[in-house]
Amino acid sequence: MRAILAVFVWLVALGFTAAASAAQLDQGLLEIQIKDHRDAIDDFAKLAVVIDKIRISPKPGLKFWRSGWHELTSKPDSVDLTKYVGKKTVTIFRGAMDTGAFDAFHLKIKSLDGVLKKTRRATAIKNTVGPIKLAFDVKPQTETLLIIDLTVLDLTDHIPGGYELALRGYELFSNHKLIAKIPPG
């Protein structure tokens, strides 16, 4: 009886291991990075971007019940954008996730705290970053990298202008191969 019980326990454990391995085979790696495009970032000694959430929207299809936004947790939740200009980037999300097709991305920002170099004073920055239409896939055993290119615009010479944070573009990579770049170049 003990031998039968031991074999049963061994088979159940083997089944869980096989199921876990199969689940890992159906997952891909998604990494999201941000950077700034140099427009008016040089006006700032510090520009802290506090990220509320990162959201991705699955492409509707046969699995229509999966519609709606999926939220990803940002690590870190605050980034000093003055440190990530040009080609320097910071990873705000990296993790394994179930495979699937997605059709939109939203970097939801909680707050922007900027300090100007000239005056060493805090200044208001308007957030104009919203959801964007962006088709991408997370494929099994594949690394998908999305680099979001933000830009700070100086509109102080336009009444009642100030500074604005906007989305300039993005780069999308699959297994280190560039798939799409907006703006092209």
N, C-alpha and C. Protein backbone atom coordinates (compact mmCIF):
# COMPACT_ATOMS: atom_id res chain seq x y z
N MET A 1 0.81 -1.18 0.00
CA MET A 1 0.00 0.00 0.00
C MET A 1 0.86 1.26 0.00
N ARG A 2 1.95 1.22 0.83
CA ARG A 2 2.85 2.37 0.87
C ARG A 2 3.52 2.59 -0.46
N ALA A 3 3.85 1.53 -1.14
CA ALA A 3 4.50 1.65 -2.44
C ALA A 3 3.55 2.30 -3.45
N ILE A 4 2.29 1.92 -3.42
CA ILE A 4 1.30 2.51 -4.34
C ILE A 4 1.12 3.99 -4.01
N LEU A 5 1.05 4.32 -2.72
CA LEU A 5 0.91 5.71 -2.30
C LEU A 5 2.14 6.53 -2.72
N ALA A 6 3.32 5.95 -2.56
CA ALA A 6 4.55 6.65 -2.95
C ALA A 6 4.58 6.90 -4.47
N VAL A 7 4.17 5.92 -5.25
CA VAL A 7 4.12 6.08 -6.70
C VAL A 7 3.10 7.14 -7.08
N PHE A 8 1.96 7.14 -6.42
CA PHE A 8 0.91 8.15 -6.68
C PHE A 8 1.43 9.56 -6.38
N VAL A 9 2.06 9.74 -5.23
CA VAL A 9 2.62 11.05 -4.86
C VAL A 9 3.67 11.47 -5.87
N TRP A 10 4.52 10.54 -6.29
CA TRP A 10 5.57 10.84 -7.28
C TRP A 10 4.95 11.27 -8.61
N LEU A 11 3.88 10.59 -9.05
CA LEU A 11 3.21 10.95 -10.31
C LEU A 11 2.55 12.33 -10.23
N VAL A 12 1.94 12.63 -9.10
CA VAL A 12 1.31 13.95 -8.91
C VAL A 12 2.38 15.03 -8.95
N ALA A 13 3.49 14.82 -8.26
CA ALA A 13 4.59 15.80 -8.26
C ALA A 13 5.15 15.97 -9.67
N LEU A 14 5.29 14.88 -10.39
CA LEU A 14 5.78 14.94 -11.77
C LEU A 14 4.81 15.72 -12.64
N GLY A 15 3.53 15.55 -12.43
CA GLY A 15 2.51 16.28 -13.19
C GLY A 15 2.58 17.77 -12.94
N PHE A 16 2.77 18.18 -11.68
CA PHE A 16 2.90 19.61 -11.35
C PHE A 16 4.16 20.20 -11.99
N THR A 17 5.26 19.44 -11.96
CA THR A 17 6.50 19.91 -12.56
C THR A 17 6.33 20.09 -14.06
N ALA A 18 5.67 19.14 -14.71
CA ALA A 18 5.44 19.24 -16.16
C ALA A 18 4.54 20.42 -16.49
N ALA A 19 3.51 20.63 -15.67
CA ALA A 19 2.60 21.77 -15.90
C ALA A 19 3.34 23.09 -15.73
N ALA A 20 4.20 23.17 -14.71
CA ALA A 20 4.98 24.40 -14.49
C ALA A 20 5.94 24.64 -15.64
N SER A 21 6.57 23.58 -16.14
CA SER A 21 7.49 23.72 -17.28
C SER A 21 6.74 24.16 -18.52
N ALA A 22 5.56 23.61 -18.75
CA ALA A 22 4.76 23.99 -19.92
C ALA A 22 4.33 25.45 -19.82
N ALA A 23 3.98 25.91 -18.61
CA ALA A 23 3.59 27.30 -18.42
C ALA A 23 4.76 28.23 -18.72
N GLN A 24 5.97 27.84 -18.32
CA GLN A 24 7.14 28.66 -18.61
C GLN A 24 7.42 28.72 -20.10
N LEU A 25 7.14 27.64 -20.82
CA LEU A 25 7.36 27.63 -22.26
C LEU A 25 6.39 28.56 -22.97
N ASP A 26 5.23 28.83 -22.37
CA ASP A 26 4.23 29.71 -22.96
C ASP A 26 4.40 31.15 -22.52
N GLN A 27 5.50 31.48 -21.88
CA GLN A 27 5.73 32.84 -21.43
C GLN A 27 6.88 33.47 -22.21
N GLY A 28 6.83 34.79 -22.26
CA GLY A 28 7.90 35.57 -22.85
C GLY A 28 8.35 36.60 -21.84
N LEU A 29 9.40 37.33 -22.17
CA LEU A 29 9.93 38.36 -21.29
C LEU A 29 9.61 39.72 -21.88
N LEU A 30 9.04 40.60 -21.09
CA LEU A 30 8.75 41.97 -21.51
C LEU A 30 9.57 42.92 -20.67
N GLU A 31 10.28 43.83 -21.35
CA GLU A 31 11.04 44.87 -20.66
C GLU A 31 10.63 46.21 -21.23
N ILE A 32 10.40 47.18 -20.33
CA ILE A 32 10.01 48.53 -20.75
C ILE A 32 11.02 49.50 -20.14
N GLN A 33 11.57 50.37 -20.99
CA GLN A 33 12.54 51.37 -20.56
C GLN A 33 12.05 52.75 -20.99
N ILE A 34 12.53 53.79 -20.29
CA ILE A 34 12.23 55.16 -20.70
C ILE A 34 13.53 55.96 -20.80
N LYS A 35 13.45 57.04 -21.58
CA LYS A 35 14.56 57.98 -21.72
C LYS A 35 13.98 59.31 -22.15
N ASP A 36 14.84 60.35 -22.18
CA ASP A 36 14.40 61.67 -22.62
C ASP A 36 15.15 62.04 -23.89
N HIS A 37 14.48 62.86 -24.71
CA HIS A 37 15.03 63.18 -26.02
C HIS A 37 15.86 64.47 -26.11
N ARG A 38 16.21 65.10 -25.04
CA ARG A 38 17.13 66.23 -25.02
C ARG A 38 16.53 67.59 -25.33
N ASP A 39 15.28 67.75 -25.68
CA ASP A 39 14.78 69.06 -26.11
C ASP A 39 15.00 70.14 -25.06
N ALA A 40 14.33 70.10 -23.93
CA ALA A 40 14.49 71.14 -22.90
C ALA A 40 14.92 70.56 -21.57
N ILE A 41 15.37 69.33 -21.55
CA ILE A 41 15.76 68.70 -20.29
C ILE A 41 16.97 69.39 -19.68
N ASP A 42 17.80 70.05 -20.50
CA ASP A 42 18.97 70.76 -19.99
C ASP A 42 18.61 71.95 -19.12
N ASP A 43 17.35 72.40 -19.15
CA ASP A 43 16.90 73.49 -18.28
C ASP A 43 16.73 73.03 -16.84
N PHE A 44 16.75 71.72 -16.61
CA PHE A 44 16.42 71.17 -15.30
C PHE A 44 17.63 70.60 -14.58
N ALA A 45 17.73 70.90 -13.28
CA ALA A 45 18.71 70.26 -12.41
C ALA A 45 18.19 68.88 -12.01
N LYS A 46 16.86 68.78 -11.90
CA LYS A 46 16.21 67.52 -11.53
C LYS A 46 14.80 67.52 -12.10
N LEU A 47 14.37 66.39 -12.61
CA LEU A 47 12.99 66.24 -13.06
C LEU A 47 12.53 64.83 -12.67
N ALA A 48 11.85 64.75 -11.54
CA ALA A 48 11.38 63.46 -11.02
C ALA A 48 10.03 63.12 -11.65
N VAL A 49 10.00 61.99 -12.35
CA VAL A 49 8.77 61.46 -12.93
C VAL A 49 8.30 60.34 -12.02
N VAL A 50 7.17 60.54 -11.37
CA VAL A 50 6.61 59.52 -10.48
C VAL A 50 5.58 58.74 -11.29
N ILE A 51 5.84 57.45 -11.48
CA ILE A 51 4.99 56.60 -12.33
C ILE A 51 3.88 56.00 -11.49
N ASP A 52 2.65 56.21 -11.93
CA ASP A 52 1.49 55.64 -11.26
C ASP A 52 1.35 54.18 -11.64
N LYS A 53 1.29 53.90 -12.93
CA LYS A 53 1.19 52.53 -13.43
C LYS A 53 1.56 52.46 -14.90
N ILE A 54 1.90 51.27 -15.30
CA ILE A 54 2.15 50.97 -16.71
C ILE A 54 1.01 50.07 -17.14
N ARG A 55 0.36 50.42 -18.24
CA ARG A 55 -0.79 49.63 -18.68
C ARG A 55 -0.59 49.20 -20.13
N ILE A 56 -0.98 47.96 -20.42
CA ILE A 56 -0.97 47.45 -21.79
C ILE A 56 -2.34 46.87 -22.08
N SER A 57 -2.78 47.02 -23.32
CA SER A 57 -4.10 46.55 -23.71
C SER A 57 -3.97 45.37 -24.67
N PRO A 58 -4.53 44.21 -24.29
CA PRO A 58 -4.49 43.06 -25.19
C PRO A 58 -5.30 43.33 -26.46
N LYS A 59 -4.80 42.81 -27.56
CA LYS A 59 -5.52 42.92 -28.82
C LYS A 59 -6.74 42.00 -28.74
N PRO A 60 -7.94 42.56 -28.99
CA PRO A 60 -9.12 41.70 -28.94
C PRO A 60 -9.07 40.67 -30.07
N GLY A 61 -9.58 39.55 -29.82
CA GLY A 61 -9.60 38.48 -30.81
C GLY A 61 -10.53 37.40 -30.33
N LEU A 62 -10.11 36.17 -30.49
CA LEU A 62 -10.94 35.07 -30.04
C LEU A 62 -11.11 35.07 -28.53
N LYS A 63 -10.11 35.59 -27.82
CA LYS A 63 -10.20 35.66 -26.35
C LYS A 63 -10.73 37.03 -25.95
N PHE A 64 -11.95 37.35 -26.38
CA PHE A 64 -12.52 38.67 -26.14
C PHE A 64 -12.69 38.98 -24.66
N TRP A 65 -12.73 37.97 -23.80
CA TRP A 65 -12.88 38.19 -22.38
C TRP A 65 -11.60 38.77 -21.77
N ARG A 66 -10.49 38.77 -22.52
CA ARG A 66 -9.24 39.34 -22.03
C ARG A 66 -9.13 40.83 -22.35
N SER A 67 -10.20 41.43 -22.84
CA SER A 67 -10.12 42.84 -23.21
C SER A 67 -9.98 43.70 -21.96
N GLY A 68 -9.56 44.92 -22.15
CA GLY A 68 -9.31 45.81 -21.02
C GLY A 68 -7.82 45.94 -20.80
N TRP A 69 -7.46 46.86 -19.95
CA TRP A 69 -6.05 47.13 -19.69
C TRP A 69 -5.49 46.19 -18.63
N HIS A 70 -4.26 45.72 -18.85
CA HIS A 70 -3.50 44.96 -17.86
C HIS A 70 -2.50 45.92 -17.24
N GLU A 71 -2.42 45.91 -15.92
CA GLU A 71 -1.49 46.81 -15.23
C GLU A 71 -0.22 46.08 -14.84
N LEU A 72 0.90 46.75 -15.07
CA LEU A 72 2.21 46.24 -14.71
C LEU A 72 2.79 47.15 -13.63
N THR A 73 3.55 46.59 -12.73
CA THR A 73 4.13 47.36 -11.63
C THR A 73 5.49 47.92 -12.03
N SER A 74 5.64 49.21 -11.88
CA SER A 74 6.89 49.88 -12.22
C SER A 74 7.89 49.72 -11.09
N LYS A 75 9.10 49.39 -11.44
CA LYS A 75 10.23 49.36 -10.51
C LYS A 75 11.37 50.06 -11.19
N PRO A 76 11.82 51.19 -10.76
CA PRO A 76 11.38 51.99 -9.63
C PRO A 76 10.13 52.78 -9.99
N ASP A 77 9.46 53.33 -8.99
CA ASP A 77 8.25 54.10 -9.27
C ASP A 77 8.55 55.58 -9.49
N SER A 78 9.79 56.00 -9.26
CA SER A 78 10.19 57.38 -9.52
C SER A 78 11.54 57.39 -10.24
N VAL A 79 11.64 58.25 -11.26
CA VAL A 79 12.85 58.32 -12.08
C VAL A 79 13.23 59.78 -12.27
N ASP A 80 14.52 60.11 -12.08
CA ASP A 80 15.01 61.45 -12.39
C ASP A 80 15.37 61.44 -13.87
N LEU A 81 14.52 62.05 -14.68
CA LEU A 81 14.68 62.01 -16.14
C LEU A 81 15.94 62.70 -16.63
N THR A 82 16.52 63.61 -15.85
CA THR A 82 17.74 64.30 -16.28
C THR A 82 18.92 63.35 -16.40
N LYS A 83 18.84 62.18 -15.79
CA LYS A 83 19.93 61.19 -15.83
C LYS A 83 19.83 60.25 -17.04
N TYR A 84 18.74 60.31 -17.77
CA TYR A 84 18.51 59.36 -18.86
C TYR A 84 18.19 60.12 -20.14
N VAL A 85 19.22 60.69 -20.73
CA VAL A 85 19.08 61.53 -21.92
C VAL A 85 19.84 60.88 -23.07
N GLY A 86 19.31 61.03 -24.27
CA GLY A 86 19.97 60.47 -25.45
C GLY A 86 19.83 58.96 -25.50
N LYS A 87 20.95 58.24 -25.42
CA LYS A 87 20.93 56.78 -25.51
C LYS A 87 20.81 56.10 -24.13
N LYS A 88 20.97 56.86 -23.04
CA LYS A 88 20.86 56.28 -21.70
C LYS A 88 19.39 56.02 -21.38
N THR A 89 19.11 54.82 -20.89
CA THR A 89 17.73 54.44 -20.55
C THR A 89 17.68 53.89 -19.13
N VAL A 90 16.47 53.84 -18.58
CA VAL A 90 16.24 53.20 -17.29
C VAL A 90 15.10 52.21 -17.46
N THR A 91 15.28 51.02 -16.90
CA THR A 91 14.25 49.98 -16.95
C THR A 91 13.21 50.27 -15.88
N ILE A 92 11.94 50.36 -16.31
CA ILE A 92 10.85 50.59 -15.36
C ILE A 92 9.99 49.34 -15.19
N PHE A 93 10.15 48.36 -16.07
CA PHE A 93 9.47 47.08 -15.90
C PHE A 93 10.27 46.01 -16.62
N ARG A 94 10.41 44.85 -15.98
CA ARG A 94 11.01 43.67 -16.61
C ARG A 94 10.41 42.46 -15.92
N GLY A 95 9.78 41.59 -16.71
CA GLY A 95 9.19 40.42 -16.11
C GLY A 95 8.66 39.44 -17.13
N ALA A 96 8.52 38.20 -16.68
CA ALA A 96 7.92 37.16 -17.51
C ALA A 96 6.42 37.36 -17.53
N MET A 97 5.83 37.12 -18.68
CA MET A 97 4.38 37.23 -18.78
C MET A 97 3.86 36.28 -19.84
N ASP A 98 2.57 35.99 -19.74
CA ASP A 98 1.94 35.10 -20.71
C ASP A 98 2.03 35.71 -22.11
N THR A 99 2.17 34.86 -23.09
CA THR A 99 2.28 35.34 -24.47
C THR A 99 0.95 35.94 -24.92
N GLY A 100 1.04 36.82 -25.88
CA GLY A 100 -0.16 37.44 -26.41
C GLY A 100 0.16 38.61 -27.30
N ALA A 101 -0.88 39.10 -27.97
CA ALA A 101 -0.76 40.27 -28.83
C ALA A 101 -1.39 41.45 -28.10
N PHE A 102 -0.74 42.59 -28.21
CA PHE A 102 -1.20 43.80 -27.53
C PHE A 102 -1.33 44.92 -28.56
N ASP A 103 -2.24 45.87 -28.29
CA ASP A 103 -2.44 46.92 -29.28
C ASP A 103 -2.37 48.34 -28.73
N ALA A 104 -2.05 48.50 -27.44
CA ALA A 104 -1.93 49.84 -26.88
C ALA A 104 -1.05 49.81 -25.64
N PHE A 105 -0.47 50.97 -25.34
CA PHE A 105 0.43 51.14 -24.20
C PHE A 105 0.12 52.47 -23.54
N HIS A 106 0.19 52.50 -22.20
CA HIS A 106 -0.04 53.75 -21.47
C HIS A 106 0.91 53.82 -20.28
N LEU A 107 1.75 54.84 -20.29
CA LEU A 107 2.60 55.15 -19.16
C LEU A 107 1.85 56.20 -18.35
N LYS A 108 1.20 55.77 -17.29
CA LYS A 108 0.38 56.68 -16.48
C LYS A 108 1.26 57.31 -15.41
N ILE A 109 1.38 58.64 -15.48
CA ILE A 109 2.27 59.37 -14.59
C ILE A 109 1.46 60.01 -13.47
N LYS A 110 1.92 59.80 -12.24
CA LYS A 110 1.24 60.35 -11.06
C LYS A 110 1.60 61.82 -10.86
N SER A 111 2.90 62.14 -10.96
CA SER A 111 3.31 63.53 -10.77
C SER A 111 4.66 63.79 -11.43
N LEU A 112 4.92 65.08 -11.65
CA LEU A 112 6.18 65.56 -12.22
C LEU A 112 6.71 66.65 -11.30
N ASP A 113 7.92 66.48 -10.82
CA ASP A 113 8.53 67.46 -9.93
C ASP A 113 9.86 67.91 -10.52
N GLY A 114 9.88 69.14 -11.03
CA GLY A 114 11.07 69.66 -11.67
C GLY A 114 11.68 70.83 -10.94
N VAL A 115 13.02 70.89 -10.95
CA VAL A 115 13.76 72.01 -10.38
C VAL A 115 14.63 72.58 -11.49
N LEU A 116 14.46 73.87 -11.78
CA LEU A 116 15.22 74.53 -12.85
C LEU A 116 16.67 74.78 -12.43
N LYS A 117 17.60 74.69 -13.36
CA LYS A 117 19.01 74.94 -13.09
C LYS A 117 19.26 76.41 -12.76
N LYS A 118 18.68 77.30 -13.56
CA LYS A 118 18.94 78.74 -13.41
C LYS A 118 18.51 79.28 -12.06
N THR A 119 17.28 78.99 -11.67
CA THR A 119 16.70 79.59 -10.47
C THR A 119 16.77 78.69 -9.25
N ARG A 120 17.06 77.41 -9.42
CA ARG A 120 17.04 76.41 -8.35
C ARG A 120 15.67 76.36 -7.66
N ARG A 121 14.63 76.66 -8.43
CA ARG A 121 13.26 76.64 -7.90
C ARG A 121 12.45 75.59 -8.63
N ALA A 122 11.44 75.11 -7.91
CA ALA A 122 10.52 74.14 -8.50
C ALA A 122 9.67 74.84 -9.56
N THR A 123 9.33 74.11 -10.60
CA THR A 123 8.48 74.65 -11.65
C THR A 123 7.43 73.62 -12.03
N ALA A 124 6.30 74.12 -12.49
CA ALA A 124 5.21 73.23 -12.92
C ALA A 124 5.52 72.66 -14.30
N ILE A 125 5.18 71.40 -14.47
CA ILE A 125 5.35 70.73 -15.76
C ILE A 125 4.04 70.04 -16.08
N LYS A 126 3.49 70.37 -17.23
CA LYS A 126 2.22 69.76 -17.64
C LYS A 126 2.49 68.38 -18.23
N ASN A 127 1.71 67.40 -17.82
CA ASN A 127 1.83 66.04 -18.34
C ASN A 127 0.89 65.86 -19.53
N THR A 128 1.43 65.64 -20.71
CA THR A 128 0.60 65.38 -21.89
C THR A 128 0.78 63.95 -22.40
N VAL A 129 1.40 63.10 -21.58
CA VAL A 129 1.62 61.70 -21.97
C VAL A 129 0.32 60.93 -21.74
N GLY A 130 -0.18 60.32 -22.79
CA GLY A 130 -1.42 59.54 -22.69
C GLY A 130 -1.24 58.19 -23.36
N PRO A 131 -2.32 57.43 -23.46
CA PRO A 131 -2.23 56.12 -24.12
C PRO A 131 -1.89 56.28 -25.59
N ILE A 132 -1.15 55.32 -26.12
CA ILE A 132 -0.81 55.32 -27.55
C ILE A 132 -1.17 53.98 -28.16
N LYS A 133 -1.52 54.02 -29.43
CA LYS A 133 -1.78 52.81 -30.20
C LYS A 133 -0.43 52.22 -30.55
N LEU A 134 -0.18 51.00 -30.12
CA LEU A 134 1.11 50.37 -30.34
C LEU A 134 0.91 48.86 -30.39
N ALA A 135 1.03 48.29 -31.56
CA ALA A 135 0.86 46.84 -31.73
C ALA A 135 2.19 46.13 -31.47
N PHE A 136 2.16 45.18 -30.53
CA PHE A 136 3.35 44.38 -30.27
C PHE A 136 2.92 43.03 -29.72
N ASP A 137 3.83 42.06 -29.82
CA ASP A 137 3.57 40.70 -29.36
C ASP A 137 4.59 40.31 -28.30
N VAL A 138 4.13 39.55 -27.33
CA VAL A 138 5.01 38.86 -26.41
C VAL A 138 4.92 37.40 -26.82
N LYS A 139 6.03 36.88 -27.34
CA LYS A 139 6.06 35.52 -27.89
C LYS A 139 6.74 34.57 -26.91
N PRO A 140 6.44 33.27 -27.03
CA PRO A 140 7.05 32.29 -26.12
C PRO A 140 8.57 32.32 -26.21
N GLN A 141 9.21 32.31 -25.04
CA GLN A 141 10.66 32.25 -24.92
C GLN A 141 11.37 33.33 -25.75
N THR A 142 10.75 34.50 -25.82
CA THR A 142 11.29 35.62 -26.58
C THR A 142 11.33 36.85 -25.69
N GLU A 143 12.35 37.69 -25.87
CA GLU A 143 12.46 38.94 -25.13
C GLU A 143 11.93 40.08 -25.99
N THR A 144 10.94 40.79 -25.46
CA THR A 144 10.38 41.96 -26.12
C THR A 144 10.80 43.19 -25.33
N LEU A 145 11.42 44.16 -26.01
CA LEU A 145 11.89 45.38 -25.36
C LEU A 145 11.19 46.57 -25.99
N LEU A 146 10.61 47.42 -25.13
CA LEU A 146 9.95 48.64 -25.56
C LEU A 146 10.65 49.81 -24.88
N ILE A 147 11.22 50.72 -25.68
CA ILE A 147 11.88 51.90 -25.15
C ILE A 147 10.99 53.10 -25.48
N ILE A 148 10.51 53.76 -24.43
CA ILE A 148 9.64 54.92 -24.58
C ILE A 148 10.51 56.18 -24.54
N ASP A 149 10.42 57.00 -25.58
CA ASP A 149 11.20 58.22 -25.70
C ASP A 149 10.32 59.42 -25.32
N LEU A 150 10.57 59.95 -24.12
CA LEU A 150 9.84 61.11 -23.64
C LEU A 150 10.60 62.37 -24.03
N THR A 151 9.93 63.51 -23.98
CA THR A 151 10.60 64.78 -24.23
C THR A 151 9.96 65.87 -23.40
N VAL A 152 10.80 66.79 -22.92
CA VAL A 152 10.32 67.95 -22.20
C VAL A 152 10.36 69.12 -23.18
N LEU A 153 9.21 69.77 -23.36
CA LEU A 153 9.11 70.89 -24.28
C LEU A 153 9.09 72.20 -23.51
N ASP A 154 9.82 73.20 -23.99
CA ASP A 154 9.83 74.52 -23.40
C ASP A 154 8.88 75.41 -24.19
N LEU A 155 7.73 75.71 -23.60
CA LEU A 155 6.73 76.57 -24.25
C LEU A 155 6.59 77.88 -23.49
N THR A 156 7.63 78.28 -22.77
CA THR A 156 7.57 79.49 -21.96
C THR A 156 7.45 80.76 -22.80
N ASP A 157 7.84 80.69 -24.06
CA ASP A 157 7.72 81.87 -24.92
C ASP A 157 6.34 81.99 -25.55
N HIS A 158 5.45 81.08 -25.25
CA HIS A 158 4.06 81.12 -25.72
C HIS A 158 3.15 81.32 -24.51
N ILE A 159 2.46 82.44 -24.45
CA ILE A 159 1.60 82.77 -23.31
C ILE A 159 0.39 81.84 -23.31
N PRO A 160 -0.04 81.23 -22.27
CA PRO A 160 0.51 81.13 -20.92
C PRO A 160 1.38 79.90 -20.76
N GLY A 161 2.26 79.68 -21.67
CA GLY A 161 3.04 78.45 -21.73
C GLY A 161 3.96 78.22 -20.56
N GLY A 162 4.43 77.03 -20.49
CA GLY A 162 5.39 76.58 -19.48
C GLY A 162 6.13 75.40 -20.05
N TYR A 163 6.40 74.45 -19.21
CA TYR A 163 7.05 73.22 -19.64
C TYR A 163 6.00 72.12 -19.74
N GLU A 164 6.20 71.22 -20.73
CA GLU A 164 5.31 70.07 -20.92
C GLU A 164 6.13 68.81 -21.14
N LEU A 165 5.67 67.71 -20.55
CA LEU A 165 6.25 66.40 -20.82
C LEU A 165 5.37 65.72 -21.85
N ALA A 166 6.00 65.25 -22.91
CA ALA A 166 5.25 64.61 -24.00
C ALA A 166 5.96 63.32 -24.42
N LEU A 167 5.24 62.51 -25.14
CA LEU A 167 5.80 61.29 -25.72
C LEU A 167 6.33 61.64 -27.11
N ARG A 168 7.61 61.42 -27.34
CA ARG A 168 8.20 61.73 -28.64
C ARG A 168 8.12 60.54 -29.58
N GLY A 169 8.28 59.34 -29.04
CA GLY A 169 8.25 58.15 -29.88
C GLY A 169 8.60 56.91 -29.07
N TYR A 170 8.95 55.85 -29.79
CA TYR A 170 9.31 54.60 -29.15
C TYR A 170 10.15 53.76 -30.08
N GLU A 171 10.81 52.78 -29.50
CA GLU A 171 11.55 51.75 -30.25
C GLU A 171 11.08 50.40 -29.72
N LEU A 172 10.80 49.47 -30.62
CA LEU A 172 10.32 48.15 -30.24
C LEU A 172 11.30 47.10 -30.78
N PHE A 173 11.77 46.23 -29.89
CA PHE A 173 12.73 45.19 -30.24
C PHE A 173 12.16 43.83 -29.88
N SER A 174 12.47 42.83 -30.69
CA SER A 174 12.15 41.44 -30.38
C SER A 174 13.44 40.64 -30.51
N ASN A 175 13.88 40.04 -29.40
CA ASN A 175 15.16 39.33 -29.34
C ASN A 175 16.30 40.18 -29.89
N HIS A 176 16.37 41.41 -29.45
CA HIS A 176 17.43 42.38 -29.77
C HIS A 176 17.40 42.86 -31.22
N LYS A 177 16.35 42.56 -31.95
CA LYS A 177 16.21 43.01 -33.34
C LYS A 177 15.15 44.12 -33.37
N LEU A 178 15.51 45.28 -33.97
CA LEU A 178 14.58 46.40 -34.06
C LEU A 178 13.40 46.02 -34.96
N ILE A 179 12.19 46.15 -34.44
CA ILE A 179 10.96 45.82 -35.16
C ILE A 179 10.29 47.09 -35.67
N ALA A 180 10.23 48.12 -34.80
CA ALA A 180 9.56 49.37 -35.18
C ALA A 180 10.21 50.52 -34.44
N LYS A 181 10.23 51.69 -35.09
CA LYS A 181 10.76 52.90 -34.47
C LYS A 181 9.93 54.09 -34.94
N ILE A 182 9.42 54.84 -33.97
CA ILE A 182 8.65 56.04 -34.25
C ILE A 182 9.28 57.18 -33.47
N PRO A 183 9.67 58.29 -34.03
CA PRO A 183 9.72 58.53 -35.47
C PRO A 183 10.85 57.72 -36.09
N PRO A 184 10.68 57.39 -37.37
CA PRO A 184 11.72 56.61 -38.06
C PRO A 184 13.01 57.41 -38.15
N GLY A 185 14.09 56.71 -38.25
CA GLY A 185 15.37 57.42 -38.42
C GLY A 185 16.52 56.64 -37.93
